[in-house]
């Protein structure tokens, strides 16, 4: 990525974190971050491409956060619950909604979303393998996929219903069952 593209993406992400993206035209968004819609199109190709780039950047940041969590965690369950606390924080809601928006766009093959599909699972499995090595445990990719699916499903539940406490309780139950199943 170019420095100019990275800087623009950073300003857009910062704007979305406070003001959201829903209902904002590309022109309005560009103006709010001090650029023109033509520059946004130049760097990202389309609104869909911009949204995909935002999600890619946020997901990469979350994988970095997961690495940091894993560095100090004593168990896979602790890793999952600590990251859940970060992801389910209300400040992350705009990005969680964007994640699901891009998922829908990618399912329809919208331009600019191909990299999203490529990064949907494998990079997370790689981080899980790294965490497993640090904890001295074998990581079953099927179990990690299950955990990813549960966390994403509960994030959808939390942002759609607003019931973060209920989704958190379900996540805690999943982790307890998961840890019981992996220790036998």
Protein backbone atom coordinates (compact mmCIF):
# COMPACT_ATOMS: atom_id res chain seq x y z
CA UNK A 1 0.00 0.00 0.00
CA UNK A 2 1.12 3.54 -0.62
CA UNK A 3 1.72 5.96 2.23
CA UNK A 4 -1.00 8.28 0.90
CA UNK A 5 -3.52 5.41 0.71
CA UNK A 6 -2.59 4.23 4.21
CA UNK A 7 -2.92 7.75 5.62
CA UNK A 8 -6.29 8.25 3.95
CA UNK A 9 -7.53 4.88 5.15
CA UNK A 10 -6.42 5.74 8.69
CA UNK A 11 -8.36 9.03 8.61
CA UNK A 12 -11.44 7.26 7.27
CA UNK A 13 -11.26 4.54 9.94
CA UNK A 14 -10.88 7.19 12.65
CA UNK A 15 -13.92 9.03 11.26
CA UNK A 16 -16.02 5.86 11.11
CA UNK A 17 -15.09 4.96 14.69
CA UNK A 18 -16.79 8.12 15.89
CA UNK A 19 -19.43 8.85 13.26
CA UNK A 20 -20.14 5.54 11.53
CA UNK A 21 -20.47 5.00 7.79
CA UNK A 22 -24.11 4.09 7.36
CA UNK A 23 -25.99 6.56 5.19
CA UNK A 24 -22.89 8.60 4.37
CA UNK A 25 -22.22 9.25 0.71
CA UNK A 26 -18.71 8.85 -0.62
CA UNK A 27 -18.59 12.62 -1.21
CA UNK A 28 -19.65 13.36 2.38
CA UNK A 29 -17.14 10.87 3.75
CA UNK A 30 -14.32 12.29 1.62
CA UNK A 31 -15.16 15.84 2.69
CA UNK A 32 -15.25 14.83 6.36
CA UNK A 33 -11.67 13.50 6.17
CA UNK A 34 -10.29 16.37 4.09
CA UNK A 35 -10.11 14.87 0.62
CA UNK A 36 -12.20 14.51 -2.52
CA UNK A 37 -14.36 11.58 -3.53
CA UNK A 38 -12.12 11.23 -6.61
CA UNK A 39 -9.12 10.52 -4.36
CA UNK A 40 -11.14 7.93 -2.45
CA UNK A 41 -12.09 6.29 -5.74
CA UNK A 42 -8.49 6.49 -6.98
CA UNK A 43 -7.20 4.64 -3.92
CA UNK A 44 -10.06 2.17 -3.35
CA UNK A 45 -11.84 1.81 -6.70
CA UNK A 46 -15.38 1.97 -5.33
CA UNK A 47 -17.36 2.34 -2.15
CA UNK A 48 -17.36 -1.47 -1.84
CA UNK A 49 -13.58 -1.48 -2.27
CA UNK A 50 -13.26 1.17 0.45
CA UNK A 51 -15.46 -0.78 2.85
CA UNK A 52 -13.45 -3.94 2.15
CA UNK A 53 -10.18 -2.05 2.79
CA UNK A 54 -11.57 -0.73 6.09
CA UNK A 55 -12.56 -4.22 7.19
CA UNK A 56 -9.21 -5.66 6.06
CA UNK A 57 -7.36 -3.05 8.14
CA UNK A 58 -9.56 -3.54 11.21
CA UNK A 59 -9.30 -7.33 10.94
CA UNK A 60 -5.50 -7.09 10.68
CA UNK A 61 -5.55 -4.92 13.79
CA UNK A 62 -7.71 -7.47 15.58
CA UNK A 63 -5.31 -10.26 14.64
CA UNK A 64 -2.47 -8.17 16.08
CA UNK A 65 -4.53 -7.63 19.23
CA UNK A 66 -5.13 -11.39 19.38
CA UNK A 67 -1.38 -12.01 19.21
CA UNK A 68 -0.88 -9.60 22.10
CA UNK A 69 -3.64 -11.29 24.11
CA UNK A 70 -2.19 -14.72 23.38
CA UNK A 71 1.25 -13.60 24.55
CA UNK A 72 -0.07 -13.19 28.08
CA UNK A 73 -2.83 -15.80 28.21
CA UNK A 74 -2.75 -19.08 30.09
CA UNK A 75 -5.35 -20.93 28.00
CA UNK A 76 -7.24 -20.84 24.69
CA UNK A 77 -10.42 -19.99 26.61
CA UNK A 78 -8.76 -16.95 28.15
CA UNK A 79 -7.69 -15.82 24.69
CA UNK A 80 -11.23 -16.14 23.31
CA UNK A 81 -12.94 -14.40 26.24
CA UNK A 82 -10.41 -11.56 26.32
CA UNK A 83 -10.78 -10.92 22.62
CA UNK A 84 -14.56 -11.16 22.95
CA UNK A 85 -14.44 -8.36 25.54
CA UNK A 86 -12.61 -6.19 23.01
CA UNK A 87 -14.79 -7.09 20.04
CA UNK A 88 -18.09 -6.72 21.89
CA UNK A 89 -17.18 -3.32 23.29
CA UNK A 90 -19.70 -0.75 21.98
CA UNK A 91 -16.88 1.25 20.36
CA UNK A 92 -16.31 -1.69 17.98
CA UNK A 93 -19.97 -1.89 16.84
CA UNK A 94 -19.48 0.24 13.69
CA UNK A 95 -16.65 -2.06 12.60
CA UNK A 96 -18.57 -5.24 13.42
CA UNK A 97 -21.47 -3.98 11.29
CA UNK A 98 -19.02 -3.19 8.46
CA UNK A 99 -17.56 -6.69 8.73
CA UNK A 100 -20.98 -8.21 8.09
CA UNK A 101 -21.71 -5.69 5.34
CA UNK A 102 -18.52 -6.70 3.53
CA UNK A 103 -19.32 -10.38 4.09
CA UNK A 104 -22.63 -9.88 2.30
CA UNK A 105 -20.99 -7.92 -0.52
CA UNK A 106 -18.31 -10.60 -0.91
CA UNK A 107 -20.93 -13.33 -1.14
CA UNK A 108 -22.28 -11.50 -4.17
CA UNK A 109 -18.80 -11.09 -5.67
CA UNK A 110 -18.83 -7.30 -5.50
CA UNK A 111 -15.69 -5.62 -6.85
CA UNK A 112 -13.07 -4.88 -4.21
CA UNK A 113 -14.15 -7.68 -1.87
CA UNK A 114 -12.05 -10.63 -3.11
CA UNK A 115 -9.31 -10.07 -0.54
CA UNK A 116 -11.93 -10.22 2.21
CA UNK A 117 -12.85 -13.79 1.28
CA UNK A 118 -9.18 -14.74 1.17
CA UNK A 119 -8.64 -13.39 4.69
CA UNK A 120 -11.84 -14.72 6.25
CA UNK A 121 -10.34 -17.79 7.95
CA UNK A 122 -6.73 -18.66 7.12
CA UNK A 123 -5.03 -15.66 8.78
CA UNK A 124 -6.99 -16.38 11.96
CA UNK A 125 -5.91 -20.03 11.84
CA UNK A 126 -2.30 -18.87 11.51
CA UNK A 127 -2.64 -16.69 14.62
CA UNK A 128 -4.22 -19.64 16.48
CA UNK A 129 -1.28 -21.86 15.48
CA UNK A 130 1.13 -19.22 16.81
CA UNK A 131 -0.84 -19.03 20.08
CA UNK A 132 -0.87 -22.82 20.35
CA UNK A 133 2.89 -22.96 19.94
CA UNK A 134 3.29 -20.37 22.69
CA UNK A 135 0.97 -22.33 24.99
CA UNK A 136 2.63 -25.62 24.07
CA UNK A 137 -0.58 -27.19 22.74
CA UNK A 138 -1.67 -28.68 19.44
CA UNK A 139 -4.23 -26.55 17.66
CA UNK A 140 -7.03 -28.33 15.84
CA UNK A 141 -8.01 -26.14 12.86
CA UNK A 142 -11.56 -27.55 12.96
CA UNK A 143 -11.96 -26.40 16.57
CA UNK A 144 -10.52 -22.99 15.72
CA UNK A 145 -12.98 -22.64 12.81
CA UNK A 146 -15.77 -23.51 15.22
CA UNK A 147 -14.58 -20.86 17.67
CA UNK A 148 -14.33 -18.27 14.87
CA UNK A 149 -17.86 -19.10 13.73
CA UNK A 150 -19.26 -18.92 17.26
CA UNK A 151 -17.60 -15.57 17.97
CA UNK A 152 -18.77 -14.11 14.65
CA UNK A 153 -22.29 -15.44 15.12
CA UNK A 154 -22.49 -14.00 18.62
CA UNK A 155 -21.12 -10.67 17.38
CA UNK A 156 -23.92 -10.60 14.82
CA UNK A 157 -26.37 -11.39 17.64
CA UNK A 158 -24.94 -8.61 19.82
CA UNK A 159 -25.00 -5.85 17.18
CA UNK A 160 -28.37 -6.90 15.74
CA UNK A 161 -30.21 -7.27 19.05
CA UNK A 162 -28.16 -4.99 21.27
CA UNK A 163 -28.06 -7.78 23.85
CA UNK A 164 -24.32 -7.87 24.49
CA UNK A 165 -24.85 -9.42 27.93
CA UNK A 166 -26.84 -12.32 26.47
CA UNK A 167 -24.27 -12.89 23.73
CA UNK A 168 -21.49 -12.73 26.31
CA UNK A 169 -23.24 -15.34 28.46
CA UNK A 170 -23.54 -17.60 25.40
CA UNK A 171 -19.85 -17.09 24.60
CA UNK A 172 -18.87 -17.97 28.17
CA UNK A 173 -20.97 -21.14 27.95
CA UNK A 174 -19.32 -22.06 24.65
CA UNK A 175 -15.83 -21.55 26.11
CA UNK A 176 -16.68 -23.68 29.16
CA UNK A 177 -17.97 -26.51 26.92
CA UNK A 178 -15.05 -26.11 24.54
CA UNK A 179 -12.46 -26.27 27.31
CA UNK A 180 -14.19 -29.29 28.86
CA UNK A 181 -14.18 -31.05 25.47
CA UNK A 182 -10.53 -30.29 24.74
CA UNK A 183 -9.32 -31.42 28.13
CA UNK A 184 -10.76 -34.95 27.86
